[in-house]
Structures are given as structure tokens and as C-alpha cells.
Amino acid sequence: MDKNVSYYMNLPYTLIIQPYQDESEFYYIGKVLELDGCMSDGETGEETLANLREAMEGWIETKLSNGFEVPEPLAEGNSSGKFTLRVPKTLHQRLTLEAKQEGVSLNQYALYKLAK
């Protein structure tokens, strides 16, 4: 299959749109998680999405025309829901004590803290 701009534009990329407030105005910023540096903005979420899709098209077209590889979306289902994390002993001890105070396992407490 010929992987052209249209091919990539129809893939389920992870689009992130967030409100943003700076010292002078409120607007939205959008980015494509898998396409490093591909971002746009707009006054509304809808405008930001439209601008982001246009930015994606230009980003992909530029990469392809210069012979670079275009990353495909992160595959769903490749995550097991499990990962190993090494932390300092003092942090481990503190989290263990906090979990006991809350009456939950360390695993459940760490999940709660990560989800915040």
C-alpha cells in the first residue's frame, strides 16, 4: 500500500486539545501526540481541531516529501497495564505508610496518586 498523506490522515492519531490562558487571552492549544512538534491553536475547540488537522496534513506532507518516516498512531492493546518503577527508599517508605493510613494496598494508593 502506498503510504501517502491521505493514508496517514485516516489513521487514529491521538489528538490532545486543551484550554490555555496566558496574560492577555484565552484560547485552545492542540497537538498530535505521535507527531513530534505538530501543533496548532484556535479560539474554540472546534477551530483548534480544524487547524490541527490542517497542521497534521502539512507536517505529514513535509516529512514524506523529504524522505522521512512518519510515525503511525500508538497501537491500542499494546499496554499491559503493568510497569516497573524504581523509587528512592524514603519515598517507598512514605507511600507505604500513607497507604496504611488510608487502609489500602500500596498498589491501590500509587494508582490513586498517579491518577490525580
N, C-alpha and C. Protein backbone atom coordinates (compact mmCIF):
# COMPACT_ATOMS: atom_id res chain seq x y z
N MET A 1 0.83 -1.19 0.00
CA MET A 1 0.00 0.00 0.00
C MET A 1 0.88 1.25 0.00
N ASP A 2 0.50 2.20 -0.83
CA ASP A 2 1.23 3.47 -0.90
C ASP A 2 0.84 4.33 0.30
N LYS A 3 1.82 4.62 1.14
CA LYS A 3 1.56 5.41 2.35
C LYS A 3 1.73 6.89 2.02
N ASN A 4 0.65 7.50 1.53
CA ASN A 4 0.66 8.91 1.19
C ASN A 4 -0.01 9.72 2.31
N VAL A 5 -0.16 11.00 2.09
CA VAL A 5 -0.75 11.88 3.11
C VAL A 5 -2.15 11.40 3.49
N SER A 6 -2.93 11.03 2.50
CA SER A 6 -4.30 10.57 2.76
C SER A 6 -4.31 9.33 3.66
N TYR A 7 -3.38 8.41 3.42
CA TYR A 7 -3.27 7.21 4.25
C TYR A 7 -3.09 7.60 5.72
N TYR A 8 -2.10 8.46 5.98
CA TYR A 8 -1.81 8.85 7.36
C TYR A 8 -2.93 9.68 7.99
N MET A 9 -3.57 10.53 7.21
CA MET A 9 -4.65 11.38 7.74
C MET A 9 -5.85 10.55 8.20
N ASN A 10 -5.99 9.35 7.69
CA ASN A 10 -7.11 8.49 8.06
C ASN A 10 -6.79 7.55 9.22
N LEU A 11 -5.59 7.64 9.76
CA LEU A 11 -5.22 6.81 10.90
C LEU A 11 -5.69 7.48 12.20
N PRO A 12 -5.94 6.68 13.24
CA PRO A 12 -6.46 7.23 14.51
C PRO A 12 -5.37 7.80 15.43
N TYR A 13 -4.80 8.94 15.04
CA TYR A 13 -3.79 9.59 15.87
C TYR A 13 -4.42 10.12 17.16
N THR A 14 -3.59 10.29 18.18
CA THR A 14 -4.04 10.83 19.45
C THR A 14 -3.96 12.35 19.40
N LEU A 15 -5.12 13.00 19.36
CA LEU A 15 -5.20 14.46 19.31
C LEU A 15 -5.52 14.97 20.71
N ILE A 16 -4.75 15.93 21.17
CA ILE A 16 -4.96 16.50 22.50
C ILE A 16 -5.26 17.98 22.33
N ILE A 17 -6.41 18.40 22.84
CA ILE A 17 -6.80 19.81 22.77
C ILE A 17 -7.07 20.27 24.20
N GLN A 18 -6.39 21.34 24.60
CA GLN A 18 -6.51 21.84 25.96
C GLN A 18 -6.73 23.35 25.97
N PRO A 19 -7.54 23.82 26.91
CA PRO A 19 -7.69 25.27 27.05
C PRO A 19 -6.42 25.86 27.63
N TYR A 20 -6.16 27.11 27.25
CA TYR A 20 -4.94 27.78 27.72
C TYR A 20 -5.24 29.25 27.98
N GLN A 21 -4.75 29.74 29.08
CA GLN A 21 -4.93 31.15 29.44
C GLN A 21 -3.55 31.76 29.69
N ASP A 22 -3.21 32.79 28.92
CA ASP A 22 -1.98 33.50 29.22
C ASP A 22 -2.36 34.88 29.74
N GLU A 23 -1.40 35.77 29.85
CA GLU A 23 -1.68 37.08 30.46
C GLU A 23 -2.63 37.95 29.63
N SER A 24 -2.81 37.65 28.35
CA SER A 24 -3.65 38.52 27.54
C SER A 24 -4.92 37.87 26.98
N GLU A 25 -4.97 36.54 26.88
CA GLU A 25 -6.17 35.94 26.27
C GLU A 25 -6.36 34.49 26.64
N PHE A 26 -7.55 33.97 26.31
CA PHE A 26 -7.91 32.58 26.49
C PHE A 26 -8.05 31.95 25.12
N TYR A 27 -7.44 30.77 24.93
CA TYR A 27 -7.55 30.07 23.66
C TYR A 27 -7.29 28.59 23.90
N TYR A 28 -7.27 27.83 22.84
CA TYR A 28 -7.02 26.40 22.92
C TYR A 28 -5.75 26.04 22.17
N ILE A 29 -5.05 25.05 22.68
CA ILE A 29 -3.84 24.53 22.03
C ILE A 29 -4.10 23.06 21.72
N GLY A 30 -3.74 22.66 20.51
CA GLY A 30 -3.90 21.27 20.11
C GLY A 30 -2.57 20.69 19.65
N LYS A 31 -2.36 19.41 19.94
CA LYS A 31 -1.16 18.75 19.45
C LYS A 31 -1.48 17.30 19.13
N VAL A 32 -0.63 16.70 18.31
CA VAL A 32 -0.75 15.29 17.94
C VAL A 32 0.34 14.55 18.70
N LEU A 33 -0.07 13.69 19.59
CA LEU A 33 0.88 13.01 20.48
C LEU A 33 1.99 12.29 19.72
N GLU A 34 1.65 11.61 18.64
CA GLU A 34 2.64 10.80 17.93
C GLU A 34 3.49 11.59 16.94
N LEU A 35 3.10 12.81 16.60
CA LEU A 35 3.82 13.60 15.60
C LEU A 35 4.54 14.76 16.29
N ASP A 36 5.77 14.53 16.64
CA ASP A 36 6.56 15.49 17.42
C ASP A 36 6.57 16.87 16.78
N GLY A 37 6.11 17.86 17.51
CA GLY A 37 6.11 19.24 17.04
C GLY A 37 4.90 19.62 16.22
N CYS A 38 3.98 18.70 15.99
CA CYS A 38 2.77 19.01 15.21
C CYS A 38 1.73 19.57 16.17
N MET A 39 1.49 20.87 16.04
CA MET A 39 0.54 21.52 16.94
C MET A 39 -0.10 22.72 16.27
N SER A 40 -1.17 23.21 16.89
CA SER A 40 -1.86 24.39 16.39
C SER A 40 -2.68 24.97 17.53
N ASP A 41 -3.39 26.06 17.25
CA ASP A 41 -4.25 26.65 18.27
C ASP A 41 -5.49 27.25 17.61
N GLY A 42 -6.37 27.76 18.44
CA GLY A 42 -7.59 28.38 17.95
C GLY A 42 -8.37 29.00 19.08
N GLU A 43 -9.39 29.78 18.71
CA GLU A 43 -10.21 30.46 19.73
C GLU A 43 -11.22 29.52 20.37
N THR A 44 -11.61 28.47 19.65
CA THR A 44 -12.54 27.47 20.18
C THR A 44 -11.93 26.09 20.00
N GLY A 45 -12.52 25.10 20.67
CA GLY A 45 -12.05 23.74 20.49
C GLY A 45 -12.23 23.26 19.06
N GLU A 46 -13.36 23.62 18.45
CA GLU A 46 -13.64 23.21 17.08
C GLU A 46 -12.66 23.83 16.09
N GLU A 47 -12.38 25.12 16.29
CA GLU A 47 -11.42 25.80 15.42
C GLU A 47 -10.02 25.18 15.59
N THR A 48 -9.67 24.87 16.82
CA THR A 48 -8.37 24.26 17.10
C THR A 48 -8.27 22.90 16.43
N LEU A 49 -9.34 22.10 16.48
CA LEU A 49 -9.33 20.80 15.83
C LEU A 49 -9.14 20.94 14.32
N ALA A 50 -9.86 21.87 13.70
CA ALA A 50 -9.72 22.09 12.26
C ALA A 50 -8.29 22.54 11.92
N ASN A 51 -7.75 23.46 12.72
CA ASN A 51 -6.38 23.95 12.49
C ASN A 51 -5.36 22.83 12.70
N LEU A 52 -5.63 21.98 13.68
CA LEU A 52 -4.72 20.88 13.97
C LEU A 52 -4.72 19.86 12.83
N ARG A 53 -5.88 19.57 12.27
CA ARG A 53 -5.94 18.64 11.13
C ARG A 53 -5.17 19.21 9.94
N GLU A 54 -5.27 20.52 9.73
CA GLU A 54 -4.52 21.18 8.65
C GLU A 54 -3.01 21.11 8.93
N ALA A 55 -2.63 21.33 10.19
CA ALA A 55 -1.22 21.25 10.57
C ALA A 55 -0.69 19.82 10.38
N MET A 56 -1.51 18.83 10.71
CA MET A 56 -1.12 17.43 10.52
C MET A 56 -0.82 17.14 9.05
N GLU A 57 -1.71 17.62 8.20
CA GLU A 57 -1.54 17.39 6.77
C GLU A 57 -0.22 17.98 6.28
N GLY A 58 0.08 19.20 6.68
CA GLY A 58 1.34 19.84 6.30
C GLY A 58 2.55 19.14 6.89
N TRP A 59 2.42 18.72 8.14
CA TRP A 59 3.52 18.03 8.83
C TRP A 59 3.85 16.74 8.10
N ILE A 60 2.81 15.95 7.82
CA ILE A 60 2.99 14.66 7.16
C ILE A 60 3.54 14.86 5.75
N GLU A 61 2.96 15.80 5.02
CA GLU A 61 3.42 16.07 3.65
C GLU A 61 4.89 16.45 3.62
N THR A 62 5.31 17.29 4.54
CA THR A 62 6.71 17.72 4.61
C THR A 62 7.63 16.55 4.91
N LYS A 63 7.25 15.71 5.87
CA LYS A 63 8.08 14.54 6.21
C LYS A 63 8.22 13.62 5.01
N LEU A 64 7.10 13.31 4.36
CA LEU A 64 7.13 12.40 3.22
C LEU A 64 7.95 12.96 2.06
N SER A 65 7.77 14.25 1.76
CA SER A 65 8.48 14.83 0.62
C SER A 65 9.98 14.94 0.86
N ASN A 66 10.40 14.89 2.13
CA ASN A 66 11.83 14.94 2.45
C ASN A 66 12.40 13.57 2.78
N GLY A 67 11.61 12.52 2.55
CA GLY A 67 12.09 11.16 2.74
C GLY A 67 12.15 10.66 4.17
N PHE A 68 11.47 11.36 5.08
CA PHE A 68 11.46 10.93 6.48
C PHE A 68 10.30 9.99 6.75
N GLU A 69 10.47 9.16 7.74
CA GLU A 69 9.41 8.24 8.16
C GLU A 69 8.37 9.00 8.97
N VAL A 70 7.11 8.66 8.77
CA VAL A 70 6.02 9.26 9.54
C VAL A 70 5.56 8.21 10.55
N PRO A 71 5.63 8.53 11.84
CA PRO A 71 5.19 7.56 12.85
C PRO A 71 3.69 7.29 12.72
N GLU A 72 3.31 6.05 12.95
CA GLU A 72 1.90 5.71 12.95
C GLU A 72 1.37 5.82 14.38
N PRO A 73 0.05 5.86 14.53
CA PRO A 73 -0.53 6.02 15.88
C PRO A 73 -0.09 4.92 16.83
N LEU A 74 -0.11 5.26 18.10
CA LEU A 74 0.20 4.28 19.13
C LEU A 74 -0.88 3.22 19.09
N ALA A 75 -0.48 1.98 19.02
CA ALA A 75 -1.44 0.88 18.92
C ALA A 75 -2.13 0.66 20.26
N GLU A 76 -3.45 0.59 20.20
CA GLU A 76 -4.20 0.23 21.40
C GLU A 76 -3.98 -1.25 21.65
N GLY A 77 -3.98 -1.63 22.89
CA GLY A 77 -3.82 -3.03 23.21
C GLY A 77 -2.39 -3.46 23.42
N ASN A 78 -1.41 -2.57 23.14
CA ASN A 78 -0.02 -2.92 23.39
C ASN A 78 0.38 -2.66 24.83
N SER A 79 -0.51 -2.08 25.61
CA SER A 79 -0.21 -1.79 27.00
C SER A 79 -0.82 -2.86 27.89
N SER A 80 0.00 -3.42 28.75
CA SER A 80 -0.47 -4.48 29.64
C SER A 80 -1.15 -3.93 30.89
N GLY A 81 -0.92 -2.63 31.18
CA GLY A 81 -1.45 -2.07 32.41
C GLY A 81 -0.50 -2.28 33.57
N LYS A 82 0.70 -2.69 33.26
CA LYS A 82 1.68 -3.01 34.29
C LYS A 82 3.04 -2.45 33.89
N PHE A 83 3.73 -1.79 34.83
CA PHE A 83 5.09 -1.35 34.58
C PHE A 83 5.85 -1.31 35.89
N THR A 84 7.16 -1.42 35.81
CA THR A 84 8.02 -1.40 36.98
C THR A 84 8.57 0.00 37.18
N LEU A 85 8.53 0.45 38.40
CA LEU A 85 9.01 1.79 38.71
C LEU A 85 9.92 1.73 39.92
N ARG A 86 11.12 2.23 39.77
CA ARG A 86 12.05 2.27 40.89
C ARG A 86 11.99 3.66 41.52
N VAL A 87 11.88 3.68 42.84
CA VAL A 87 11.80 4.95 43.57
C VAL A 87 12.80 4.90 44.73
N PRO A 88 13.18 6.06 45.24
CA PRO A 88 14.07 6.06 46.41
C PRO A 88 13.40 5.35 47.60
N LYS A 89 14.22 4.76 48.45
CA LYS A 89 13.70 4.02 49.61
C LYS A 89 12.84 4.89 50.50
N THR A 90 13.22 6.15 50.64
CA THR A 90 12.45 7.04 51.51
C THR A 90 11.05 7.29 50.95
N LEU A 91 10.94 7.43 49.63
CA LEU A 91 9.63 7.62 49.00
C LEU A 91 8.80 6.35 49.13
N HIS A 92 9.41 5.21 48.94
CA HIS A 92 8.72 3.93 49.08
C HIS A 92 8.15 3.80 50.49
N GLN A 93 8.97 4.14 51.47
CA GLN A 93 8.54 4.05 52.86
C GLN A 93 7.39 5.01 53.14
N ARG A 94 7.50 6.24 52.66
CA ARG A 94 6.43 7.23 52.88
C ARG A 94 5.12 6.79 52.23
N LEU A 95 5.20 6.29 50.99
CA LEU A 95 4.00 5.84 50.30
C LEU A 95 3.37 4.64 51.00
N THR A 96 4.22 3.74 51.52
CA THR A 96 3.71 2.58 52.25
C THR A 96 2.96 3.02 53.50
N LEU A 97 3.53 3.98 54.23
CA LEU A 97 2.87 4.48 55.44
C LEU A 97 1.55 5.19 55.10
N GLU A 98 1.55 6.00 54.04
CA GLU A 98 0.32 6.70 53.64
C GLU A 98 -0.75 5.71 53.20
N ALA A 99 -0.35 4.65 52.50
CA ALA A 99 -1.31 3.63 52.07
C ALA A 99 -1.93 2.94 53.28
N LYS A 100 -1.10 2.63 54.29
CA LYS A 100 -1.62 2.00 55.51
C LYS A 100 -2.61 2.92 56.22
N GLN A 101 -2.29 4.22 56.27
CA GLN A 101 -3.19 5.18 56.90
C GLN A 101 -4.54 5.24 56.18
N GLU A 102 -4.51 5.06 54.87
CA GLU A 102 -5.74 5.09 54.07
C GLU A 102 -6.44 3.73 54.06
N GLY A 103 -5.76 2.69 54.54
CA GLY A 103 -6.35 1.36 54.60
C GLY A 103 -6.44 0.67 53.24
N VAL A 104 -5.48 0.99 52.35
CA VAL A 104 -5.46 0.37 51.02
C VAL A 104 -4.06 -0.19 50.75
N SER A 105 -3.97 -1.01 49.72
CA SER A 105 -2.66 -1.56 49.35
C SER A 105 -1.79 -0.45 48.77
N LEU A 106 -0.50 -0.70 48.77
CA LEU A 106 0.44 0.26 48.18
C LEU A 106 0.13 0.44 46.69
N ASN A 107 -0.20 -0.65 46.01
CA ASN A 107 -0.53 -0.59 44.60
C ASN A 107 -1.74 0.32 44.36
N GLN A 108 -2.80 0.15 45.15
CA GLN A 108 -4.00 0.97 45.00
C GLN A 108 -3.70 2.44 45.33
N TYR A 109 -2.88 2.66 46.34
CA TYR A 109 -2.55 4.03 46.73
C TYR A 109 -1.71 4.71 45.64
N ALA A 110 -0.75 3.98 45.07
CA ALA A 110 0.08 4.53 44.00
C ALA A 110 -0.79 4.85 42.77
N LEU A 111 -1.74 3.98 42.46
CA LEU A 111 -2.66 4.23 41.35
C LEU A 111 -3.46 5.49 41.60
N TYR A 112 -3.95 5.66 42.83
CA TYR A 112 -4.70 6.86 43.20
C TYR A 112 -3.83 8.11 43.02
N LYS A 113 -2.59 8.06 43.48
CA LYS A 113 -1.71 9.22 43.37
C LYS A 113 -1.38 9.54 41.91
N LEU A 114 -1.17 8.51 41.08
CA LEU A 114 -0.89 8.73 39.66
C LEU A 114 -2.09 9.32 38.92
N ALA A 115 -3.27 8.93 39.32
CA ALA A 115 -4.48 9.39 38.63
C ALA A 115 -4.86 10.82 38.98
N LYS A 116 -4.29 11.37 40.02
CA LYS A 116 -4.61 12.76 40.44
C LYS A 116 -4.16 13.76 39.43
